[in-house]
């Protein structure tokens, strides 16, 4: 099935994972009685970095540009709905748009318009790294950790961003959602990253900023660290985290036992 264009409602049901009634339900944070085990840096071999909102300060653009693009096609998108799209990958995003706005919602066209608006914003304001990102990456590499990017962006855009920020030679690998069947919040991208890097999921630490990203890494069995961007985690999401850091620097100190 071509997930770039869902022709009818029955196609949407083919995308919804077994055991769930909707994409929104699949995005819902599971309720745990106990919190997951704490972060154990001595057992970590690889650190996997989400990009937007974690390494680079770009989620603020998407938060504004999604509603703006939707409005151009006659749809009213709330701030909450825009935030729910963070890291939401294909094919889920396509079906989720239909759930929110009905069968007339053309995800591909709205997304293209959103990309235009984001590009305009970036041209005006630039792409900024999160504070101390370069130093943190250098310190973690020096400490012996292998580093990789795991992002919802395609490989071409990922390379362009990293080159612009002079980070193209920092990472051992770049893994994009376009390389796997299902994007976040499915576990595919993190399972694939672990396979490519030759580690078990429990030997990988994932840095994420959004619920969809956290859920993806949790489902893969990785140790998940959240550095919140745009919104703070609720109590259910906190129970999926091995650690919550206020910024990259605090995370690096934790990993190096400082």
Foldseek 3Di string as FASTA:
>chain_A
DPLLDDDDPVSQVVPPDPPDDALVRVLDQDFDPFFDAADDLVLAAAEEEEPDQAFKPQLVLQLPLLQVLCVVVPDGDDSVNSQSCVQAAPPRVQSVQCVVPNPVDNVVNSVVSSVVSSVVVCVVVNMGTFPPNVVLLVLCVVVNHAYEYEYQDDPVVVCVVCVVVVNNPSHPYYFHCVVFDGTWPAQTRLLVVCVVVVHQQCNYEYEDAGSRVLNNSLNSVHAYEYQHDPDDDDPSSSSSHSYYDVGSVRVSCVSVVD
